[in-house]
Amino acid sequence: MLNISQQTEPTRAEKPQPTHSQDSLSIEFSRLDQLFAKHLYGLRQRGRSPLGDAVGGAVIEEGEAEGLLASLHETHGMSSKNVPLPDPWISPLKNLEYTKKCFHLLPVERDMLMLAMAVEVDSRYARLVAFLNDHVAMTRPTVGLAMALLLPNIDAARTALLRRLVANGPLLTNGLLELEGEGPVANRTIRVPDNFWPRLIGIETETRFSVMPLNKIDFDAYETINNVNERIASVPVWRTSQHSDQLLIFVSGLPGSGRDTIAQRVAAELKSNVITIDARHSDLAEHVNELVRESRWHNACVIVRHAESLSAEAHQTLQKLIPTPLIYVRDNDKNDELLEKSSRPFIEISIAAYDHAARSKIWQCLTSQSLSNDYSEPLDTTALASRFGFGPGRIKNAIRLAETFATSAGGNQIKQSDLESTCRRMQGAEFGQLAQKLPCPFAVDDIISLVSTPSNNDR
């Protein structure tokens, strides 16, 4: 009986090391060779002869299908005879077996991945698949061919697999497979994304979403000078009480208040790696399945910067599909619809404005970290904290810019005046929290001026 139940909790499987064993690949391919040989034998028994192999678009020489199989058997160190295989089969490819456990795949779904990956690795499989598809240009397996190879003569299991495949099953939802082409599902080809299939055989590839490993998350000493430490420390306890990883944590505060770093601290408390995305990027919806795959594979929280820019549709999609905690970084009092339309359990960590004493400590901490004693004159951090109401992020930027300006001017020391000048530039025409944009009470035509007055109305 095919079990089509689908779990939703992410698996805490131990991720294998990115190593590649040619022997493991040969063993896995030899099993695939047996499946092809059995299918081809069935075709011959039903009357498809080698002389008919030139018909139907799959132009292939007489007996070439058998020749391809013999070549594959020889390469993989197996005879052409069937060799009994263990049941259930555990793949010697660690990453393939990890994928099965991590994404809760059925054994046959794991094998579909293997079949789709084989044509990318060895062109002989692509040639053989084109023959079996009856189309010389269709070198990737169709859904129908995959089911015929993997589930021969088991109609009920095929129906269940097909239903699971198209009804938001794990292969498509998690970005493990893609369906190509149009028409009936059984005639559409399956493909493993180019940035994923090498991983199945131990070759790491770049993806759109970079992952920050937990052991690479560093925190500045100033992070002990804030008002949210207790709230951050309580997140793991809250997570345990919810009995789920599909949680939503809001980190709210003013720009420059250290929101991104605090979001990373939350991820560290949850013992998770980090994937950071920007909600202002309009192509998020196009690649959400890849984001789902990477977050589950790496056990990574997804930090969404500028979350107030999320559309309602994107907000719902992320909540529904991302299997790990979501951490929304947003401005204070922005887009409360995110709270109102949250389908996940959520908490909010609100960063209050830093008072003078906290800002002075942050200035002192960050300048002592960034500037060596022989590179800076003694600084009055209390004065800097009094004159400029900057949070940690803006203080970091001010120190960085002051160093750049001093170096470009040929200086070898950062002075108090350098930091003050840089901070004034950064202040610019900045609006505070209470600033409001007022409507103009009159139109341009209402302005009365002397004829001799130059007109700048349109500038």
Protein backbone atom coordinates (compact mmCIF):
# COMPACT_ATOMS: atom_id res chain seq x y z
CA MET A 1 0.00 0.00 0.00
CA LEU A 2 1.39 3.40 -0.98
CA ASN A 3 1.42 5.75 1.99
CA ILE A 4 0.55 9.21 0.73
CA SER A 5 0.44 10.92 4.11
CA GLN A 6 2.51 14.11 4.19
CA GLN A 7 4.21 15.46 7.27
CA THR A 8 4.61 19.18 7.71
CA GLU A 9 7.19 19.40 10.47
CA PRO A 10 10.77 19.89 9.21
CA THR A 11 13.06 16.97 9.87
CA ARG A 12 16.08 17.45 12.11
CA ALA A 13 18.08 15.01 10.01
CA GLU A 14 21.85 15.29 10.26
CA LYS A 15 23.03 16.96 7.07
CA PRO A 16 25.76 14.95 5.31
CA GLN A 17 29.13 16.41 4.47
CA PRO A 18 29.54 17.59 0.85
CA THR A 19 31.57 14.59 -0.33
CA HIS A 20 31.19 12.60 -3.52
CA SER A 21 31.79 8.86 -3.85
CA GLN A 22 32.03 7.47 -7.37
CA ASP A 23 31.34 3.98 -6.01
CA SER A 24 28.12 5.18 -4.38
CA LEU A 25 27.01 6.77 -7.64
CA SER A 26 27.80 3.59 -9.58
CA ILE A 27 25.78 1.49 -7.13
CA GLU A 28 22.79 3.83 -7.44
CA PHE A 29 23.08 3.92 -11.22
CA SER A 30 23.34 0.12 -11.42
CA ARG A 31 19.94 -0.10 -9.75
CA LEU A 32 18.61 2.33 -12.34
CA ASP A 33 20.12 0.19 -15.09
CA GLN A 34 18.11 -2.79 -13.86
CA LEU A 35 14.90 -0.75 -13.98
CA PHE A 36 15.62 0.27 -17.58
CA ALA A 37 16.51 -3.29 -18.56
CA LYS A 38 13.29 -4.65 -17.07
CA HIS A 39 11.20 -1.98 -18.81
CA LEU A 40 12.90 -2.56 -22.17
CA TYR A 41 12.43 -6.32 -21.82
CA GLY A 42 8.72 -5.70 -21.23
CA LEU A 43 8.53 -3.62 -24.42
CA ARG A 44 10.16 -6.40 -26.41
CA GLN A 45 7.77 -8.96 -24.94
CA ARG A 46 4.83 -6.81 -26.03
CA GLY A 47 6.09 -6.76 -29.59
CA ARG A 48 8.28 -3.70 -30.04
CA SER A 49 11.24 -5.03 -32.04
CA PRO A 50 14.62 -3.40 -32.67
CA LEU A 51 13.63 -2.88 -36.31
CA GLY A 52 10.79 -0.67 -35.14
CA ASP A 53 13.07 1.58 -33.14
CA ALA A 54 13.52 3.98 -36.06
CA VAL A 55 9.83 4.81 -36.00
CA GLY A 56 8.12 7.49 -33.93
CA GLY A 57 10.83 10.14 -33.88
CA ALA A 58 13.34 8.34 -31.63
CA VAL A 59 15.83 7.54 -34.38
CA ILE A 60 18.01 4.80 -32.94
CA GLU A 61 20.05 2.09 -34.61
CA GLU A 62 18.96 -1.54 -34.46
CA GLY A 63 19.81 -2.97 -31.05
CA GLU A 64 21.27 0.32 -29.81
CA ALA A 65 18.99 0.39 -26.75
CA GLU A 66 20.39 -2.93 -25.61
CA GLY A 67 23.90 -1.68 -26.45
CA LEU A 68 23.44 1.40 -24.29
CA LEU A 69 22.31 -0.76 -21.38
CA ALA A 70 25.27 -3.11 -21.83
CA SER A 71 27.63 -0.12 -21.82
CA LEU A 72 26.03 1.24 -18.66
CA HIS A 73 26.24 -2.17 -16.96
CA GLU A 74 29.92 -2.38 -17.84
CA THR A 75 30.62 1.13 -16.56
CA HIS A 76 28.88 0.47 -13.27
CA GLY A 77 30.54 -2.90 -12.76
CA MET A 78 27.37 -4.98 -13.01
CA SER A 79 26.43 -7.87 -15.25
CA SER A 80 23.39 -7.64 -17.49
CA LYS A 81 21.57 -10.11 -15.25
CA ASN A 82 19.33 -8.85 -12.49
CA VAL A 83 20.93 -8.85 -9.07
CA PRO A 84 18.59 -8.95 -6.06
CA LEU A 85 18.54 -5.60 -4.27
CA PRO A 86 17.72 -4.88 -0.63
CA ASP A 87 14.15 -3.90 0.09
CA PRO A 88 13.60 -1.24 1.32
CA TRP A 89 16.41 0.40 -0.60
CA ILE A 90 18.63 2.90 1.23
CA SER A 91 20.57 5.02 -1.23
CA PRO A 92 24.36 5.00 -0.81
CA LEU A 93 24.31 8.63 -1.99
CA LYS A 94 24.14 10.41 1.35
CA ASN A 95 22.71 13.64 -0.05
CA LEU A 96 19.97 11.78 -1.92
CA GLU A 97 18.98 9.87 1.20
CA TYR A 98 19.15 13.08 3.26
CA THR A 99 16.79 14.70 0.74
CA LYS A 100 14.32 11.85 1.24
CA LYS A 101 14.36 12.26 5.02
CA CYS A 102 14.48 16.06 5.05
CA PHE A 103 11.55 16.56 2.67
CA HIS A 104 9.54 13.48 3.75
CA LEU A 105 9.68 11.85 0.33
CA LEU A 106 8.30 8.44 -0.47
CA PRO A 107 10.88 5.96 -1.79
CA VAL A 108 9.40 6.27 -5.28
CA GLU A 109 9.72 10.07 -5.13
CA ARG A 110 13.38 9.71 -4.20
CA ASP A 111 13.77 7.43 -7.22
CA MET A 112 12.10 10.01 -9.47
CA LEU A 113 14.77 12.47 -8.37
CA MET A 114 17.44 9.92 -9.17
CA LEU A 115 16.00 9.24 -12.62
CA ALA A 116 15.73 12.94 -13.46
CA MET A 117 19.28 13.54 -12.23
CA ALA A 118 20.79 10.62 -14.19
CA VAL A 119 20.15 12.22 -17.60
CA GLU A 120 22.02 15.33 -16.44
CA VAL A 121 25.06 13.27 -15.43
CA ASP A 122 25.33 10.66 -18.23
CA SER A 123 24.26 11.32 -21.82
CA ARG A 124 23.66 7.60 -22.37
CA TYR A 125 20.66 7.84 -20.05
CA ALA A 126 19.43 10.84 -22.02
CA ARG A 127 19.71 8.82 -25.26
CA LEU A 128 17.89 5.87 -23.72
CA VAL A 129 15.15 8.10 -22.31
CA ALA A 130 14.65 9.75 -25.72
CA PHE A 131 14.11 6.32 -27.21
CA LEU A 132 11.61 5.30 -24.54
CA ASN A 133 9.81 8.66 -24.88
CA ASP A 134 9.49 8.04 -28.64
CA HIS A 135 10.95 11.49 -29.31
CA VAL A 136 14.56 12.23 -30.23
CA ALA A 137 14.47 15.70 -28.63
CA MET A 138 12.76 14.60 -25.40
CA THR A 139 15.86 13.56 -23.47
CA ARG A 140 14.38 14.06 -20.02
CA PRO A 141 11.95 11.51 -18.57
CA THR A 142 8.24 12.20 -18.68
CA VAL A 143 5.99 11.66 -15.68
CA GLY A 144 4.47 8.68 -17.50
CA LEU A 145 7.84 7.08 -18.20
CA ALA A 146 8.97 7.61 -14.60
CA MET A 147 5.85 5.87 -13.30
CA ALA A 148 6.24 3.02 -15.81
CA LEU A 149 9.86 2.45 -14.74
CA LEU A 150 9.37 2.83 -11.00
CA LEU A 151 5.86 1.46 -10.49
CA PRO A 152 5.31 -1.19 -13.19
CA ASN A 153 1.85 -2.77 -13.17
CA ILE A 154 0.73 -0.99 -9.98
CA ASP A 155 -2.09 1.23 -11.18
CA ALA A 156 -3.32 2.27 -7.73
CA ALA A 157 0.16 3.37 -6.69
CA ARG A 158 0.59 5.34 -9.94
CA THR A 159 -2.66 7.16 -9.36
CA ALA A 160 -1.68 8.01 -5.78
CA LEU A 161 1.76 9.24 -6.89
CA LEU A 162 0.28 11.35 -9.67
CA ARG A 163 -2.22 12.91 -7.25
CA ARG A 164 0.54 13.64 -4.75
CA LEU A 165 2.77 15.07 -7.48
CA VAL A 166 0.28 17.64 -8.78
CA ALA A 167 -1.55 18.46 -5.53
CA ASN A 168 1.21 20.51 -3.89
CA GLY A 169 3.29 17.45 -3.11
CA PRO A 170 6.81 17.78 -1.71
CA LEU A 171 8.67 17.38 -5.02
CA LEU A 172 7.18 20.49 -6.62
CA THR A 173 6.40 22.59 -3.54
CA ASN A 174 9.96 22.28 -2.25
CA GLY A 175 11.56 23.06 -5.61
CA LEU A 176 13.09 19.58 -5.96
CA LEU A 177 11.52 18.91 -9.37
CA GLU A 178 10.08 21.04 -12.13
CA LEU A 179 7.46 20.03 -14.69
CA GLU A 180 8.22 21.21 -18.23
CA GLY A 181 5.99 21.51 -21.26
CA GLU A 182 2.25 21.61 -21.73
CA GLY A 183 -0.51 19.08 -22.20
CA PRO A 184 -1.36 16.04 -20.08
CA VAL A 185 0.71 15.71 -16.93
CA ALA A 186 1.81 12.18 -17.87
CA ASN A 187 3.42 13.56 -21.06
CA ARG A 188 5.26 16.43 -19.37
CA THR A 189 8.95 16.05 -18.59
CA ILE A 190 10.50 16.22 -15.14
CA ARG A 191 13.68 18.12 -14.40
CA VAL A 192 15.84 18.69 -11.34
CA PRO A 193 16.83 22.41 -11.16
CA ASP A 194 20.37 23.10 -12.36
CA ASN A 195 21.37 24.59 -9.00
CA PHE A 196 20.20 21.52 -7.09
CA TRP A 197 20.94 18.25 -8.91
CA PRO A 198 24.76 18.51 -8.44
CA ARG A 199 24.12 18.63 -4.69
CA LEU A 200 22.58 15.15 -4.86
CA ILE A 201 25.99 13.74 -5.84
CA GLY A 202 27.96 15.89 -3.40
CA ILE A 203 28.79 18.93 -5.57
CA GLU A 204 27.89 22.24 -3.92
CA THR A 205 26.39 24.93 -6.18
CA GLU A 206 25.37 28.56 -5.82
CA THR A 207 21.71 29.45 -5.29
CA ARG A 208 19.83 32.75 -5.18
CA PHE A 209 19.59 32.56 -1.41
CA SER A 210 22.86 32.61 0.47
CA VAL A 211 22.93 30.87 3.83
CA MET A 212 24.73 32.23 6.89
CA PRO A 213 25.76 29.27 9.06
CA LEU A 214 24.97 29.54 12.73
CA ASN A 215 28.66 29.45 13.68
CA LYS A 216 29.33 32.49 11.45
CA ILE A 217 26.86 34.77 13.22
CA ASP A 218 28.93 37.22 15.26
CA PHE A 219 27.52 39.72 17.72
CA ASP A 220 29.12 42.96 18.81
CA ALA A 221 29.60 43.67 22.47
CA TYR A 222 27.16 46.57 22.19
CA GLU A 223 24.35 44.05 21.78
CA THR A 224 24.33 43.63 25.56
CA ILE A 225 23.33 47.31 25.79
CA ASN A 226 19.74 47.05 24.63
CA ASN A 227 16.33 46.56 26.06
CA VAL A 228 15.33 43.30 24.38
CA ASN A 229 17.73 40.69 25.77
CA GLU A 230 15.12 39.07 27.99
CA ARG A 231 12.61 39.04 25.16
CA ILE A 232 15.11 37.37 22.82
CA ALA A 233 16.03 34.76 25.43
CA SER A 234 12.34 33.86 25.84
CA VAL A 235 11.84 32.94 22.17
CA PRO A 236 13.05 29.29 22.45
CA VAL A 237 10.70 28.70 25.39
CA TRP A 238 7.81 30.18 23.41
CA ARG A 239 8.72 28.01 20.42
CA THR A 240 8.62 24.86 22.56
CA SER A 241 5.20 25.81 23.88
CA GLN A 242 3.86 26.12 20.31
CA HIS A 243 5.01 22.60 19.27
CA SER A 244 5.80 23.91 15.80
CA ASP A 245 8.58 25.47 13.75
CA GLN A 246 6.16 27.45 11.61
CA LEU A 247 6.35 30.58 13.73
CA LEU A 248 6.50 34.30 13.02
CA ILE A 249 8.70 36.73 14.95
CA PHE A 250 8.43 40.48 14.35
CA VAL A 251 11.52 42.60 15.08
CA SER A 252 10.36 46.22 15.02
CA GLY A 253 12.38 49.38 15.48
CA LEU A 254 13.76 52.51 13.85
CA PRO A 255 16.30 52.19 11.02
CA GLY A 256 19.78 51.92 12.50
CA SER A 257 18.54 50.51 15.82
CA GLY A 258 20.26 47.15 15.28
CA ARG A 259 17.18 45.31 14.00
CA ASP A 260 19.07 43.02 11.59
CA THR A 261 21.58 41.95 14.21
CA ILE A 262 18.83 41.30 16.75
CA ALA A 263 17.00 39.20 14.13
CA GLN A 264 20.16 37.12 13.74
CA ARG A 265 20.38 36.78 17.51
CA VAL A 266 16.84 35.39 17.52
CA ALA A 267 17.88 32.83 14.88
CA ALA A 268 20.90 31.90 16.98
CA GLU A 269 18.68 31.38 20.02
CA LEU A 270 16.60 29.02 17.88
CA LYS A 271 19.77 27.12 16.85
CA SER A 272 19.08 27.89 13.20
CA ASN A 273 21.11 29.03 10.24
CA VAL A 274 19.97 32.21 8.48
CA ILE A 275 18.68 33.11 5.01
CA THR A 276 18.05 36.83 4.56
CA ILE A 277 15.79 38.23 1.83
CA ASP A 278 14.57 41.72 1.00
CA ALA A 279 10.80 42.16 0.68
CA ARG A 280 11.30 45.01 -1.79
CA HIS A 281 12.50 42.59 -4.48
CA SER A 282 9.60 41.92 -6.82
CA ASP A 283 10.83 38.49 -8.00
CA LEU A 284 10.31 36.80 -4.62
CA ALA A 285 7.11 35.05 -5.74
CA GLU A 286 8.89 33.54 -8.77
CA HIS A 287 11.51 31.81 -6.63
CA VAL A 288 9.56 30.97 -3.48
CA ASN A 289 9.87 27.19 -4.07
CA GLU A 290 13.65 27.52 -4.14
CA LEU A 291 13.49 29.49 -0.90
CA VAL A 292 11.36 26.74 0.66
CA ARG A 293 13.90 24.12 -0.45
CA GLU A 294 16.94 26.00 0.87
CA SER A 295 15.35 26.87 4.21
CA ARG A 296 14.41 23.25 4.86
CA TRP A 297 17.66 21.76 3.53
CA HIS A 298 19.83 24.08 5.68
CA ASN A 299 17.43 24.28 8.66
CA ALA A 300 17.52 28.06 8.26
CA CYS A 301 15.25 30.77 9.61
CA VAL A 302 14.18 33.22 6.91
CA ILE A 303 14.78 36.85 7.87
CA VAL A 304 12.64 39.21 5.78
CA ARG A 305 14.08 42.73 5.73
CA HIS A 306 11.73 45.66 5.04
CA ALA A 307 8.80 43.38 5.79
CA GLU A 308 6.42 46.35 5.68
CA SER A 309 6.84 46.20 1.87
CA LEU A 310 5.38 42.69 1.63
CA SER A 311 2.14 42.39 -0.26
CA ALA A 312 -0.71 40.52 1.40
CA GLU A 313 -0.31 37.70 -1.14
CA ALA A 314 3.44 37.34 -0.52
CA HIS A 315 2.84 37.42 3.24
CA GLN A 316 0.34 34.56 3.01
CA THR A 317 2.56 32.55 0.65
CA LEU A 318 5.57 32.75 2.95
CA GLN A 319 3.49 31.76 5.98
CA LYS A 320 2.00 28.79 4.14
CA LEU A 321 5.14 27.37 2.51
CA ILE A 322 8.22 28.23 4.57
CA PRO A 323 8.72 25.29 6.98
CA THR A 324 11.03 27.15 9.40
CA PRO A 325 10.52 30.26 11.57
CA LEU A 326 9.99 33.55 9.74
CA ILE A 327 11.56 36.68 11.23
CA TYR A 328 10.12 39.94 9.91
CA VAL A 329 12.29 43.04 10.30
CA ARG A 330 10.19 46.18 9.96
CA ASP A 331 9.81 49.81 10.95
CA ASN A 332 7.86 50.70 14.07
CA ASP A 333 4.10 50.98 13.55
CA LYS A 334 4.31 50.07 9.88
CA ASN A 335 1.84 47.78 8.10
CA ASP A 336 -0.10 46.38 11.04
CA GLU A 337 -1.96 44.26 8.47
CA LEU A 338 0.97 41.86 8.76
CA LEU A 339 -0.03 41.28 12.37
CA GLU A 340 -3.74 41.11 11.63
CA LYS A 341 -3.33 38.63 8.76
CA SER A 342 -0.83 36.33 10.44
CA SER A 343 -1.91 32.71 10.29
CA ARG A 344 1.10 31.58 12.35
CA PRO A 345 1.61 32.03 16.07
CA PHE A 346 3.63 35.23 16.44
CA ILE A 347 5.43 37.43 18.93
CA GLU A 348 6.88 40.91 18.54
CA ILE A 349 10.24 42.20 19.73
CA SER A 350 10.04 45.98 19.75
CA ILE A 351 13.28 47.94 20.05
CA ALA A 352 12.75 51.12 22.04
CA ALA A 353 14.75 54.23 21.25
CA TYR A 354 18.18 54.22 22.92
CA ASP A 355 18.56 56.80 25.70
CA HIS A 356 21.63 58.99 26.12
CA ALA A 357 23.42 56.58 28.48
CA ALA A 358 22.91 53.63 26.11
CA ARG A 359 24.05 55.64 23.06
CA SER A 360 27.18 56.76 24.93
CA LYS A 361 28.05 53.14 25.79
CA ILE A 362 27.45 52.07 22.17
CA TRP A 363 29.72 54.87 20.88
CA GLN A 364 32.40 53.85 23.35
CA CYS A 365 32.08 50.16 22.53
CA LEU A 366 32.10 50.51 18.75
CA THR A 367 34.89 53.09 18.55
CA SER A 368 37.12 50.95 20.78
CA GLN A 369 36.40 47.94 18.53
CA SER A 370 36.91 49.73 15.23
CA LEU A 371 39.70 52.23 15.95
CA SER A 372 43.12 51.29 17.27
CA ASN A 373 44.83 53.53 19.83
CA ASP A 374 47.43 54.73 17.32
CA TYR A 375 44.79 55.53 14.74
CA SER A 376 42.50 57.78 16.76
CA GLU A 377 42.81 60.59 19.25
CA PRO A 378 40.83 60.29 22.49
CA LEU A 379 37.14 60.71 21.68
CA ASP A 380 34.37 62.30 23.71
CA THR A 381 31.69 59.66 23.16
CA THR A 382 29.36 61.36 25.65
CA ALA A 383 29.31 64.48 23.46
CA LEU A 384 28.66 62.41 20.34
CA ALA A 385 25.76 60.65 22.07
CA SER A 386 24.32 64.03 23.16
CA ARG A 387 24.49 65.68 19.76
CA PHE A 388 23.39 62.77 17.58
CA GLY A 389 20.54 60.39 18.39
CA PHE A 390 21.98 57.52 16.36
CA GLY A 391 21.35 53.84 16.99
CA PRO A 392 23.97 51.08 16.56
CA GLY A 393 23.60 50.77 12.79
CA ARG A 394 24.11 54.46 12.09
CA ILE A 395 26.99 54.69 14.57
CA LYS A 396 28.76 51.89 12.73
CA ASN A 397 28.24 53.68 9.41
CA ALA A 398 29.48 56.99 10.87
CA ILE A 399 32.73 55.40 12.07
CA ARG A 400 33.23 53.67 8.72
CA LEU A 401 32.67 56.87 6.74
CA ALA A 402 34.90 58.90 9.03
CA GLU A 403 37.72 56.41 8.45
CA THR A 404 37.18 56.66 4.68
CA PHE A 405 37.20 60.49 4.69
CA ALA A 406 40.29 60.64 6.89
CA THR A 407 42.19 58.17 4.69
CA SER A 408 41.24 59.96 1.46
CA ALA A 409 42.40 63.27 2.98
CA GLY A 410 45.81 61.74 3.74
CA GLY A 411 45.31 61.67 7.48
CA ASN A 412 46.33 58.84 9.77
CA GLN A 413 44.12 59.67 12.74
CA ILE A 414 40.38 59.89 13.30
CA LYS A 415 39.56 63.05 15.19
CA GLN A 416 36.47 64.11 17.12
CA SER A 417 35.78 66.68 14.42
CA ASP A 418 35.87 63.97 11.73
CA LEU A 419 33.13 61.98 13.46
CA GLU A 420 31.04 65.08 14.16
CA SER A 421 31.32 66.22 10.55
CA THR A 422 30.36 62.77 9.29
CA CYS A 423 27.36 62.58 11.62
CA ARG A 424 26.12 65.99 10.45
CA ARG A 425 26.30 64.81 6.85
CA MET A 426 24.36 61.69 7.74
CA GLN A 427 21.68 63.68 9.53
CA GLY A 428 20.94 65.76 6.45
CA ALA A 429 17.26 66.45 5.95
CA GLU A 430 16.14 63.52 8.05
CA PHE A 431 12.56 63.51 9.29
CA GLY A 432 11.72 62.34 12.78
CA GLN A 433 8.95 59.95 13.81
CA LEU A 434 6.45 62.79 14.35
CA ALA A 435 7.01 64.45 10.98
CA GLN A 436 3.95 64.54 8.72
CA LYS A 437 3.55 65.36 5.07
CA LEU A 438 0.92 68.11 4.87
CA PRO A 439 -1.15 68.70 1.73
CA CYS A 440 -0.57 71.99 -0.09
CA PRO A 441 -3.65 74.20 0.55
CA PHE A 442 -3.46 76.00 -2.82
CA ALA A 443 -2.62 75.35 -6.47
CA VAL A 444 0.22 76.89 -8.47
CA ASP A 445 -2.27 79.16 -10.30
CA ASP A 446 -3.25 80.70 -6.96
CA ILE A 447 0.21 82.22 -6.49
CA ILE A 448 0.30 85.97 -7.25
CA SER A 449 3.64 87.50 -8.08
CA LEU A 450 4.96 90.63 -9.75
CA VAL A 451 5.56 90.55 -13.49
CA SER A 452 9.19 91.35 -12.84
CA THR A 453 9.58 88.28 -10.60
CA PRO A 454 11.14 85.29 -12.48
CA SER A 455 8.86 82.31 -12.53
CA ASN A 456 10.23 79.12 -10.93
CA ASN A 457 6.90 77.43 -10.47
CA ASP A 458 7.64 74.64 -12.90
CA ARG A 459 11.15 73.92 -11.66
